[in-house]
Amino acid sequence: MGARDIIRQYLIDRGPGYIFTNAELREITGIIESGRRLRELREKEGFNILSHRDDPSLKHYEYRLGDPLILPINLNKPSKREFAMHLAKHPWCDCCHRMAGDRSASDPFGLVRLNVVRKEDGGLLVLCDFCELVKDPEQVSIYEPISLEEKIMVSPRHIKKAMIEYLTGRSGKGGGRND
């Protein structure tokens, strides 16, 4: 019996709502790569395993079994390569035009995460985590895209400094109003 089989049986025995950690899984399987086996169960077998990204009440090292325990597997999900290539060419949400790292529409302190989904016609669509939940452009359109000033304000300090230098023409590299 492999590690994935052991973890699968362990989780089925515990049932929906059970909270567990990687350390607990490492202990029962005797392998270090228990996180990889969790991803395999989630992606290949449809296990509804939630992390702190999905459920803010969980600590960063905890997971919870969702209800239902097993979800239908999405065979239309783009491959990792398709995901990366499409996101590199098109790094914003098709509904609200927010970019990864912008302020979230649903949580003023959260940041936007982008997802690539396959449309019914086979094309790819980029949606932020909020728009993917809503999936109705009429409801999403009430949120204004973030302005340049807001993007600068939520950027890391070194990017703020570089942008201010560029816009005021103090960098010595050209740009700004003095060109």
N, C-alpha and C. Protein backbone atom coordinates (compact mmCIF):
# COMPACT_ATOMS: atom_id res chain seq x y z
N MET A 1 0.85 -1.18 0.00
CA MET A 1 0.00 0.00 0.00
C MET A 1 0.89 1.24 0.00
N GLY A 2 0.68 2.14 -0.98
CA GLY A 2 1.50 3.35 -1.11
C GLY A 2 1.06 4.44 -0.15
N ALA A 3 1.86 5.51 -0.09
CA ALA A 3 1.58 6.63 0.81
C ALA A 3 0.25 7.30 0.48
N ARG A 4 -0.04 7.45 -0.83
CA ARG A 4 -1.30 8.09 -1.21
C ARG A 4 -2.49 7.25 -0.75
N ASP A 5 -2.37 5.94 -0.86
CA ASP A 5 -3.45 5.04 -0.41
C ASP A 5 -3.65 5.16 1.10
N ILE A 6 -2.54 5.23 1.84
CA ILE A 6 -2.63 5.35 3.30
C ILE A 6 -3.32 6.66 3.68
N ILE A 7 -2.91 7.77 3.02
CA ILE A 7 -3.51 9.08 3.32
C ILE A 7 -4.98 9.08 2.93
N ARG A 8 -5.31 8.52 1.77
CA ARG A 8 -6.70 8.46 1.32
C ARG A 8 -7.58 7.76 2.35
N GLN A 9 -7.13 6.60 2.80
CA GLN A 9 -7.92 5.83 3.77
C GLN A 9 -8.03 6.56 5.10
N TYR A 10 -6.94 7.19 5.53
CA TYR A 10 -6.92 7.95 6.77
C TYR A 10 -7.95 9.09 6.73
N LEU A 11 -8.00 9.80 5.60
CA LEU A 11 -8.92 10.93 5.47
C LEU A 11 -10.37 10.46 5.36
N ILE A 12 -10.60 9.39 4.64
CA ILE A 12 -11.96 8.85 4.52
C ILE A 12 -12.47 8.40 5.89
N ASP A 13 -11.60 7.77 6.68
CA ASP A 13 -11.99 7.34 8.03
C ASP A 13 -12.35 8.52 8.93
N ARG A 14 -11.67 9.64 8.76
CA ARG A 14 -11.91 10.81 9.62
C ARG A 14 -13.17 11.57 9.20
N GLY A 15 -13.44 11.70 7.90
CA GLY A 15 -14.66 12.34 7.40
C GLY A 15 -14.58 13.85 7.28
N PRO A 16 -15.62 14.46 6.67
CA PRO A 16 -15.67 15.91 6.45
C PRO A 16 -15.55 16.70 7.75
N GLY A 17 -14.86 17.85 7.68
CA GLY A 17 -14.69 18.71 8.84
C GLY A 17 -13.44 18.43 9.64
N TYR A 18 -12.76 17.31 9.37
CA TYR A 18 -11.57 16.94 10.13
C TYR A 18 -10.41 17.89 9.79
N ILE A 19 -9.75 18.42 10.80
CA ILE A 19 -8.60 19.31 10.61
C ILE A 19 -7.33 18.52 10.90
N PHE A 20 -6.35 18.63 9.98
CA PHE A 20 -5.11 17.87 10.12
C PHE A 20 -3.94 18.70 9.61
N THR A 21 -2.72 18.19 9.87
CA THR A 21 -1.50 18.89 9.46
C THR A 21 -0.62 17.95 8.63
N ASN A 22 0.36 18.55 7.94
CA ASN A 22 1.33 17.75 7.19
C ASN A 22 2.14 16.87 8.14
N ALA A 23 2.46 17.39 9.31
CA ALA A 23 3.24 16.61 10.28
C ALA A 23 2.50 15.33 10.66
N GLU A 24 1.19 15.44 10.82
CA GLU A 24 0.36 14.28 11.16
C GLU A 24 0.42 13.24 10.03
N LEU A 25 0.35 13.72 8.78
CA LEU A 25 0.40 12.80 7.63
C LEU A 25 1.78 12.17 7.49
N ARG A 26 2.82 12.97 7.74
CA ARG A 26 4.20 12.42 7.69
C ARG A 26 4.36 11.30 8.71
N GLU A 27 3.75 11.48 9.87
CA GLU A 27 3.86 10.49 10.93
C GLU A 27 3.18 9.17 10.55
N ILE A 28 2.01 9.24 9.93
CA ILE A 28 1.30 8.00 9.59
C ILE A 28 1.85 7.31 8.35
N THR A 29 2.48 8.08 7.43
CA THR A 29 3.00 7.46 6.20
C THR A 29 4.48 7.15 6.28
N GLY A 30 5.20 7.93 7.08
CA GLY A 30 6.64 7.73 7.17
C GLY A 30 7.40 8.37 6.01
N ILE A 31 6.74 9.24 5.23
CA ILE A 31 7.43 9.92 4.13
C ILE A 31 7.41 11.42 4.36
N ILE A 32 8.36 12.11 3.76
CA ILE A 32 8.46 13.57 3.90
C ILE A 32 7.51 14.27 2.93
N GLU A 33 7.30 13.70 1.75
CA GLU A 33 6.52 14.33 0.68
C GLU A 33 5.00 14.15 0.83
N SER A 34 4.48 14.34 2.02
CA SER A 34 3.04 14.17 2.22
C SER A 34 2.25 15.29 1.55
N GLY A 35 2.84 16.48 1.43
CA GLY A 35 2.18 17.58 0.74
C GLY A 35 1.92 17.26 -0.72
N ARG A 36 2.87 16.59 -1.35
CA ARG A 36 2.69 16.18 -2.74
C ARG A 36 1.55 15.18 -2.87
N ARG A 37 1.46 14.25 -1.93
CA ARG A 37 0.37 13.27 -1.96
C ARG A 37 -0.99 13.93 -1.76
N LEU A 38 -1.05 14.99 -0.92
CA LEU A 38 -2.29 15.74 -0.75
C LEU A 38 -2.72 16.41 -2.05
N ARG A 39 -1.75 17.04 -2.75
CA ARG A 39 -2.05 17.67 -4.03
C ARG A 39 -2.55 16.64 -5.04
N GLU A 40 -1.95 15.46 -5.04
CA GLU A 40 -2.40 14.41 -5.96
C GLU A 40 -3.84 14.01 -5.63
N LEU A 41 -4.16 13.86 -4.35
CA LEU A 41 -5.53 13.50 -3.97
C LEU A 41 -6.52 14.60 -4.39
N ARG A 42 -6.10 15.84 -4.23
CA ARG A 42 -6.96 16.96 -4.58
C ARG A 42 -7.15 17.06 -6.10
N GLU A 43 -6.06 16.98 -6.86
CA GLU A 43 -6.13 17.20 -8.30
C GLU A 43 -6.56 15.98 -9.09
N LYS A 44 -6.08 14.80 -8.72
CA LYS A 44 -6.36 13.61 -9.52
C LYS A 44 -7.59 12.84 -9.07
N GLU A 45 -7.93 12.95 -7.78
CA GLU A 45 -9.06 12.17 -7.27
C GLU A 45 -10.21 13.04 -6.79
N GLY A 46 -10.02 14.38 -6.78
CA GLY A 46 -11.12 15.28 -6.44
C GLY A 46 -11.40 15.46 -4.97
N PHE A 47 -10.44 15.12 -4.09
CA PHE A 47 -10.68 15.30 -2.65
C PHE A 47 -10.83 16.79 -2.35
N ASN A 48 -11.80 17.12 -1.52
CA ASN A 48 -12.11 18.50 -1.14
C ASN A 48 -11.27 18.84 0.10
N ILE A 49 -10.00 19.19 -0.12
CA ILE A 49 -9.07 19.50 0.96
C ILE A 49 -8.81 21.00 0.95
N LEU A 50 -9.20 21.67 2.04
CA LEU A 50 -9.07 23.12 2.14
C LEU A 50 -7.83 23.50 2.93
N SER A 51 -7.15 24.56 2.50
CA SER A 51 -5.99 25.07 3.22
C SER A 51 -6.33 26.45 3.79
N HIS A 52 -5.34 27.11 4.40
CA HIS A 52 -5.56 28.44 4.95
C HIS A 52 -5.90 29.46 3.86
N ARG A 53 -5.54 29.17 2.61
CA ARG A 53 -5.91 30.07 1.51
C ARG A 53 -7.39 29.98 1.19
N ASP A 54 -7.97 28.83 1.39
CA ASP A 54 -9.40 28.63 1.11
C ASP A 54 -10.26 28.99 2.31
N ASP A 55 -9.74 28.78 3.51
CA ASP A 55 -10.50 29.01 4.75
C ASP A 55 -9.62 29.79 5.72
N PRO A 56 -9.85 31.11 5.87
CA PRO A 56 -9.00 31.94 6.72
C PRO A 56 -8.97 31.52 8.19
N SER A 57 -9.92 30.70 8.64
CA SER A 57 -9.91 30.28 10.04
C SER A 57 -8.83 29.24 10.32
N LEU A 58 -8.26 28.65 9.26
CA LEU A 58 -7.20 27.65 9.44
C LEU A 58 -5.85 28.34 9.58
N LYS A 59 -4.97 27.72 10.34
CA LYS A 59 -3.59 28.22 10.45
C LYS A 59 -2.84 27.82 9.19
N HIS A 60 -1.69 28.43 8.93
CA HIS A 60 -0.96 28.20 7.68
C HIS A 60 -0.49 26.76 7.50
N TYR A 61 -0.46 25.98 8.56
CA TYR A 61 0.01 24.60 8.46
C TYR A 61 -1.14 23.59 8.57
N GLU A 62 -2.38 24.06 8.61
CA GLU A 62 -3.52 23.17 8.79
C GLU A 62 -4.30 22.99 7.48
N TYR A 63 -4.97 21.85 7.39
CA TYR A 63 -5.87 21.53 6.29
C TYR A 63 -7.18 21.03 6.89
N ARG A 64 -8.27 21.19 6.14
CA ARG A 64 -9.56 20.70 6.61
C ARG A 64 -10.25 19.97 5.47
N LEU A 65 -10.87 18.86 5.78
CA LEU A 65 -11.65 18.13 4.79
C LEU A 65 -12.99 18.84 4.62
N GLY A 66 -13.31 19.17 3.38
CA GLY A 66 -14.56 19.86 3.09
C GLY A 66 -15.73 18.89 2.99
N ASP A 67 -16.90 19.48 2.87
CA ASP A 67 -18.11 18.69 2.69
C ASP A 67 -18.74 19.11 1.38
N PRO A 68 -18.88 18.29 0.39
CA PRO A 68 -18.67 16.85 0.36
C PRO A 68 -17.18 16.50 0.34
N LEU A 69 -16.88 15.30 0.77
CA LEU A 69 -15.49 14.85 0.87
C LEU A 69 -14.82 14.79 -0.50
N ILE A 70 -15.53 14.32 -1.50
CA ILE A 70 -14.96 14.20 -2.84
C ILE A 70 -15.82 15.00 -3.82
N LEU A 71 -15.16 15.88 -4.59
CA LEU A 71 -15.82 16.70 -5.59
C LEU A 71 -15.62 16.09 -6.97
N PRO A 72 -16.49 16.41 -7.93
CA PRO A 72 -16.26 15.93 -9.29
C PRO A 72 -14.96 16.54 -9.83
N ILE A 73 -14.20 15.76 -10.55
CA ILE A 73 -12.92 16.23 -11.09
C ILE A 73 -13.19 17.06 -12.34
N ASN A 74 -12.54 18.23 -12.43
CA ASN A 74 -12.70 19.12 -13.57
C ASN A 74 -11.70 18.73 -14.65
N LEU A 75 -12.18 18.02 -15.66
CA LEU A 75 -11.28 17.61 -16.74
C LEU A 75 -11.00 18.75 -17.71
N ASN A 76 -11.77 19.84 -17.61
CA ASN A 76 -11.54 20.99 -18.48
C ASN A 76 -10.51 21.96 -17.92
N LYS A 77 -9.92 21.61 -16.79
CA LYS A 77 -8.95 22.49 -16.16
C LYS A 77 -7.70 22.59 -17.04
N PRO A 78 -7.20 23.81 -17.30
CA PRO A 78 -6.00 23.95 -18.12
C PRO A 78 -4.79 23.30 -17.45
N SER A 79 -3.86 22.83 -18.26
CA SER A 79 -2.64 22.25 -17.71
C SER A 79 -1.79 23.35 -17.07
N LYS A 80 -0.80 22.96 -16.28
CA LYS A 80 0.07 23.95 -15.63
C LYS A 80 0.80 24.80 -16.67
N ARG A 81 1.18 24.17 -17.78
CA ARG A 81 1.88 24.90 -18.86
C ARG A 81 0.94 25.92 -19.51
N GLU A 82 -0.29 25.49 -19.84
CA GLU A 82 -1.28 26.41 -20.42
C GLU A 82 -1.56 27.56 -19.45
N PHE A 83 -1.70 27.24 -18.18
CA PHE A 83 -1.96 28.24 -17.14
C PHE A 83 -0.85 29.29 -17.13
N ALA A 84 0.39 28.83 -17.06
CA ALA A 84 1.54 29.76 -16.96
C ALA A 84 1.69 30.59 -18.23
N MET A 85 1.56 29.97 -19.39
CA MET A 85 1.75 30.71 -20.64
C MET A 85 0.63 31.74 -20.85
N HIS A 86 -0.60 31.38 -20.55
CA HIS A 86 -1.71 32.32 -20.73
C HIS A 86 -1.62 33.46 -19.73
N LEU A 87 -1.26 33.16 -18.51
CA LEU A 87 -1.15 34.20 -17.48
C LEU A 87 0.00 35.15 -17.77
N ALA A 88 1.09 34.65 -18.37
CA ALA A 88 2.22 35.51 -18.72
C ALA A 88 1.81 36.52 -19.80
N LYS A 89 0.96 36.10 -20.74
CA LYS A 89 0.52 36.99 -21.81
C LYS A 89 -0.64 37.89 -21.39
N HIS A 90 -1.40 37.46 -20.40
CA HIS A 90 -2.66 38.12 -20.05
C HIS A 90 -2.78 38.19 -18.52
N PRO A 91 -1.98 39.06 -17.86
CA PRO A 91 -1.90 39.02 -16.38
C PRO A 91 -2.96 39.84 -15.63
N TRP A 92 -4.20 39.89 -16.10
CA TRP A 92 -5.24 40.60 -15.39
C TRP A 92 -6.57 39.85 -15.52
N CYS A 93 -7.49 40.15 -14.62
CA CYS A 93 -8.81 39.52 -14.61
C CYS A 93 -9.63 40.05 -15.78
N ASP A 94 -10.28 39.17 -16.51
CA ASP A 94 -11.10 39.59 -17.65
C ASP A 94 -12.36 40.34 -17.23
N CYS A 95 -12.80 40.18 -15.99
CA CYS A 95 -14.02 40.87 -15.54
C CYS A 95 -13.72 42.23 -14.91
N CYS A 96 -12.84 42.26 -13.92
CA CYS A 96 -12.64 43.51 -13.16
C CYS A 96 -11.30 44.18 -13.48
N HIS A 97 -10.46 43.57 -14.30
CA HIS A 97 -9.17 44.11 -14.75
C HIS A 97 -8.16 44.29 -13.62
N ARG A 98 -8.35 43.59 -12.51
CA ARG A 98 -7.36 43.63 -11.45
C ARG A 98 -6.23 42.68 -11.80
N MET A 99 -5.04 42.99 -11.29
CA MET A 99 -3.88 42.15 -11.53
C MET A 99 -3.53 41.40 -10.24
N ALA A 100 -2.76 40.34 -10.38
CA ALA A 100 -2.32 39.59 -9.20
C ALA A 100 -1.58 40.53 -8.27
N GLY A 101 -1.93 40.49 -7.00
CA GLY A 101 -1.29 41.36 -6.02
C GLY A 101 -2.04 42.64 -5.75
N ASP A 102 -3.04 42.99 -6.60
CA ASP A 102 -3.86 44.17 -6.33
C ASP A 102 -4.75 43.88 -5.13
N ARG A 103 -5.39 44.94 -4.63
CA ARG A 103 -6.31 44.78 -3.52
C ARG A 103 -7.53 43.97 -3.96
N SER A 104 -7.98 43.07 -3.13
CA SER A 104 -9.12 42.21 -3.45
C SER A 104 -10.43 42.99 -3.35
N ALA A 105 -11.40 42.65 -4.23
CA ALA A 105 -12.71 43.30 -4.20
C ALA A 105 -13.52 42.86 -2.99
N SER A 106 -13.31 41.61 -2.55
CA SER A 106 -14.11 41.08 -1.45
C SER A 106 -13.48 41.31 -0.08
N ASP A 107 -12.17 41.52 -0.03
CA ASP A 107 -11.47 41.68 1.24
C ASP A 107 -10.49 42.84 1.10
N PRO A 108 -10.73 43.99 1.76
CA PRO A 108 -9.86 45.16 1.58
C PRO A 108 -8.41 44.93 2.01
N PHE A 109 -8.15 43.91 2.83
CA PHE A 109 -6.79 43.63 3.26
C PHE A 109 -6.18 42.47 2.49
N GLY A 110 -6.98 41.78 1.68
CA GLY A 110 -6.50 40.64 0.91
C GLY A 110 -5.96 41.06 -0.45
N LEU A 111 -5.22 40.16 -1.07
CA LEU A 111 -4.67 40.43 -2.40
C LEU A 111 -5.34 39.51 -3.42
N VAL A 112 -5.36 39.98 -4.66
CA VAL A 112 -5.99 39.24 -5.74
C VAL A 112 -5.13 38.05 -6.15
N ARG A 113 -5.79 36.90 -6.33
CA ARG A 113 -5.16 35.71 -6.91
C ARG A 113 -5.86 35.43 -8.22
N LEU A 114 -5.10 35.19 -9.28
CA LEU A 114 -5.69 34.94 -10.60
C LEU A 114 -5.77 33.46 -10.89
N ASN A 115 -6.84 33.06 -11.59
CA ASN A 115 -7.05 31.68 -12.00
C ASN A 115 -7.35 31.66 -13.49
N VAL A 116 -6.86 30.66 -14.19
CA VAL A 116 -7.17 30.49 -15.60
C VAL A 116 -8.19 29.37 -15.72
N VAL A 117 -9.32 29.66 -16.36
CA VAL A 117 -10.37 28.67 -16.54
C VAL A 117 -10.65 28.50 -18.02
N ARG A 118 -11.10 27.33 -18.39
CA ARG A 118 -11.43 27.04 -19.79
C ARG A 118 -12.89 27.38 -20.04
N LYS A 119 -13.15 28.15 -21.11
CA LYS A 119 -14.52 28.49 -21.50
C LYS A 119 -15.15 27.31 -22.22
N GLU A 120 -16.46 27.39 -22.44
CA GLU A 120 -17.16 26.31 -23.12
C GLU A 120 -16.67 26.11 -24.55
N ASP A 121 -16.24 27.21 -25.21
CA ASP A 121 -15.75 27.09 -26.58
C ASP A 121 -14.30 26.63 -26.66
N GLY A 122 -13.68 26.36 -25.52
CA GLY A 122 -12.31 25.86 -25.49
C GLY A 122 -11.26 26.92 -25.22
N GLY A 123 -11.63 28.20 -25.32
CA GLY A 123 -10.70 29.29 -25.04
C GLY A 123 -10.43 29.42 -23.55
N LEU A 124 -9.42 30.21 -23.21
CA LEU A 124 -9.06 30.39 -21.81
C LEU A 124 -9.50 31.77 -21.34
N LEU A 125 -9.86 31.86 -20.08
CA LEU A 125 -10.34 33.08 -19.46
C LEU A 125 -9.60 33.26 -18.14
N VAL A 126 -9.14 34.48 -17.86
CA VAL A 126 -8.47 34.76 -16.59
C VAL A 126 -9.47 35.44 -15.68
N LEU A 127 -9.66 34.87 -14.49
CA LEU A 127 -10.57 35.44 -13.50
C LEU A 127 -9.87 35.53 -12.16
N CYS A 128 -10.13 36.62 -11.42
CA CYS A 128 -9.60 36.70 -10.06
C CYS A 128 -10.45 35.81 -9.17
N ASP A 129 -9.99 35.57 -7.95
CA ASP A 129 -10.72 34.66 -7.06
C ASP A 129 -12.14 35.16 -6.78
N PHE A 130 -12.34 36.48 -6.70
CA PHE A 130 -13.67 37.03 -6.44
C PHE A 130 -14.59 36.84 -7.65
N CYS A 131 -14.12 37.20 -8.84
CA CYS A 131 -14.94 37.10 -10.06
C CYS A 131 -15.25 35.65 -10.40
N GLU A 132 -14.34 34.75 -10.06
CA GLU A 132 -14.60 33.34 -10.31
C GLU A 132 -15.77 32.84 -9.47
N LEU A 133 -15.92 33.39 -8.26
CA LEU A 133 -17.06 33.03 -7.42
C LEU A 133 -18.35 33.62 -7.95
N VAL A 134 -18.29 34.88 -8.40
CA VAL A 134 -19.49 35.58 -8.86
C VAL A 134 -19.88 35.11 -10.27
N LYS A 135 -18.92 35.07 -11.18
CA LYS A 135 -19.10 34.63 -12.57
C LYS A 135 -20.23 35.34 -13.30
N ASP A 136 -20.56 36.54 -12.90
CA ASP A 136 -21.58 37.32 -13.59
C ASP A 136 -21.00 38.70 -13.84
N PRO A 137 -20.60 39.00 -15.07
CA PRO A 137 -19.95 40.30 -15.36
C PRO A 137 -20.79 41.50 -14.93
N GLU A 138 -22.13 41.37 -14.94
CA GLU A 138 -22.96 42.50 -14.50
C GLU A 138 -22.75 42.81 -13.03
N GLN A 139 -22.57 41.78 -12.20
CA GLN A 139 -22.32 42.01 -10.78
C GLN A 139 -20.89 42.49 -10.54
N VAL A 140 -19.96 42.02 -11.35
CA VAL A 140 -18.56 42.38 -11.15
C VAL A 140 -18.30 43.81 -11.61
N SER A 141 -19.05 44.31 -12.59
CA SER A 141 -18.78 45.62 -13.16
C SER A 141 -19.01 46.77 -12.19
N ILE A 142 -19.63 46.52 -11.02
CA ILE A 142 -19.82 47.60 -10.05
C ILE A 142 -18.51 47.99 -9.39
N TYR A 143 -17.46 47.17 -9.53
CA TYR A 143 -16.17 47.48 -8.94
C TYR A 143 -15.31 48.19 -9.97
N GLU A 144 -14.83 49.37 -9.60
CA GLU A 144 -13.98 50.14 -10.50
C GLU A 144 -12.57 49.53 -10.52
N PRO A 145 -11.93 49.51 -11.69
CA PRO A 145 -10.54 49.05 -11.71
C PRO A 145 -9.67 49.96 -10.83
N ILE A 146 -8.64 49.42 -10.25
CA ILE A 146 -7.77 50.18 -9.36
C ILE A 146 -6.96 51.20 -10.17
N SER A 147 -6.88 52.43 -9.68
CA SER A 147 -6.15 53.49 -10.37
C SER A 147 -4.64 53.31 -10.19
N LEU A 148 -3.87 54.06 -10.98
CA LEU A 148 -2.41 53.99 -10.90
C LEU A 148 -1.93 54.39 -9.51
N GLU A 149 -2.54 55.44 -8.94
CA GLU A 149 -2.13 55.88 -7.60
C GLU A 149 -2.34 54.78 -6.56
N GLU A 150 -3.48 54.09 -6.66
CA GLU A 150 -3.75 52.99 -5.72
C GLU A 150 -2.76 51.85 -5.92
N LYS A 151 -2.41 51.55 -7.17
CA LYS A 151 -1.44 50.49 -7.43
C LYS A 151 -0.08 50.85 -6.83
N ILE A 152 0.30 52.12 -6.94
CA ILE A 152 1.58 52.54 -6.36
C ILE A 152 1.52 52.45 -4.84
N MET A 153 0.38 52.85 -4.25
CA MET A 153 0.27 52.84 -2.79
C MET A 153 0.33 51.44 -2.19
N VAL A 154 -0.15 50.42 -2.89
CA VAL A 154 -0.12 49.07 -2.34
C VAL A 154 1.14 48.30 -2.77
N SER A 155 2.02 48.96 -3.53
CA SER A 155 3.25 48.31 -4.00
C SER A 155 4.30 48.29 -2.89
N PRO A 156 5.29 47.40 -3.01
CA PRO A 156 6.39 47.39 -2.05
C PRO A 156 7.16 48.72 -2.08
N ARG A 157 7.83 49.03 -1.00
CA ARG A 157 8.51 50.32 -0.82
C ARG A 157 9.49 50.63 -1.97
N HIS A 158 10.28 49.64 -2.41
CA HIS A 158 11.27 49.92 -3.46
C HIS A 158 10.60 50.25 -4.80
N ILE A 159 9.43 49.71 -5.05
CA ILE A 159 8.71 50.04 -6.29
C ILE A 159 8.11 51.44 -6.18
N LYS A 160 7.57 51.78 -5.00
CA LYS A 160 7.05 53.14 -4.80
C LYS A 160 8.14 54.17 -5.07
N LYS A 161 9.32 53.92 -4.51
CA LYS A 161 10.43 54.86 -4.66
C LYS A 161 10.83 54.99 -6.13
N ALA A 162 10.94 53.88 -6.83
CA ALA A 162 11.32 53.91 -8.25
C ALA A 162 10.26 54.64 -9.08
N MET A 163 8.99 54.41 -8.79
CA MET A 163 7.92 55.08 -9.55
C MET A 163 7.94 56.59 -9.30
N ILE A 164 8.13 57.00 -8.05
CA ILE A 164 8.16 58.44 -7.74
C ILE A 164 9.36 59.09 -8.42
N GLU A 165 10.51 58.41 -8.38
CA GLU A 165 11.69 58.95 -9.06
C GLU A 165 11.46 59.06 -10.57
N TYR A 166 10.84 58.05 -11.15
CA TYR A 166 10.58 58.07 -12.58
C TYR A 166 9.60 59.18 -12.95
N LEU A 167 8.52 59.31 -12.17
CA LEU A 167 7.51 60.30 -12.49
C LEU A 167 7.99 61.73 -12.27
N THR A 168 8.89 61.93 -11.33
CA THR A 168 9.40 63.28 -11.08
C THR A 168 10.67 63.57 -11.86
N GLY A 169 11.21 62.57 -12.55
CA GLY A 169 12.39 62.78 -13.39
C GLY A 169 13.69 62.86 -12.63
N ARG A 170 13.72 62.39 -11.38
CA ARG A 170 14.93 62.48 -10.55
C ARG A 170 15.86 61.29 -10.70
N SER A 171 15.50 60.28 -11.48
CA SER A 171 16.32 59.07 -11.52
C SER A 171 17.58 59.23 -12.35
N GLY A 172 17.63 60.25 -13.24
CA GLY A 172 18.80 60.42 -14.08
C GLY A 172 18.80 59.48 -15.28
N LYS A 173 17.78 58.65 -15.41
CA LYS A 173 17.71 57.70 -16.50
C LYS A 173 16.68 58.14 -17.53
N GLY A 174 16.21 59.34 -17.43
CA GLY A 174 15.17 59.80 -18.37
C GLY A 174 13.81 59.51 -17.81
N GLY A 175 12.81 59.83 -18.58
CA GLY A 175 11.45 59.60 -18.13
C GLY A 175 10.93 60.78 -17.37
N GLY A 176 9.77 60.69 -16.90
CA GLY A 176 9.16 61.76 -16.13
C GLY A 176 8.80 62.95 -16.98
N ARG A 177 8.66 64.12 -16.33
CA ARG A 177 8.19 65.33 -17.01
C ARG A 177 9.32 66.08 -17.70
N ASN A 178 10.56 65.76 -17.39
CA ASN A 178 11.68 66.53 -17.93
C ASN A 178 12.12 66.07 -19.29
N ASP A 179 11.54 64.99 -19.82
CA ASP A 179 11.94 64.48 -21.15
C ASP A 179 11.33 65.30 -22.26
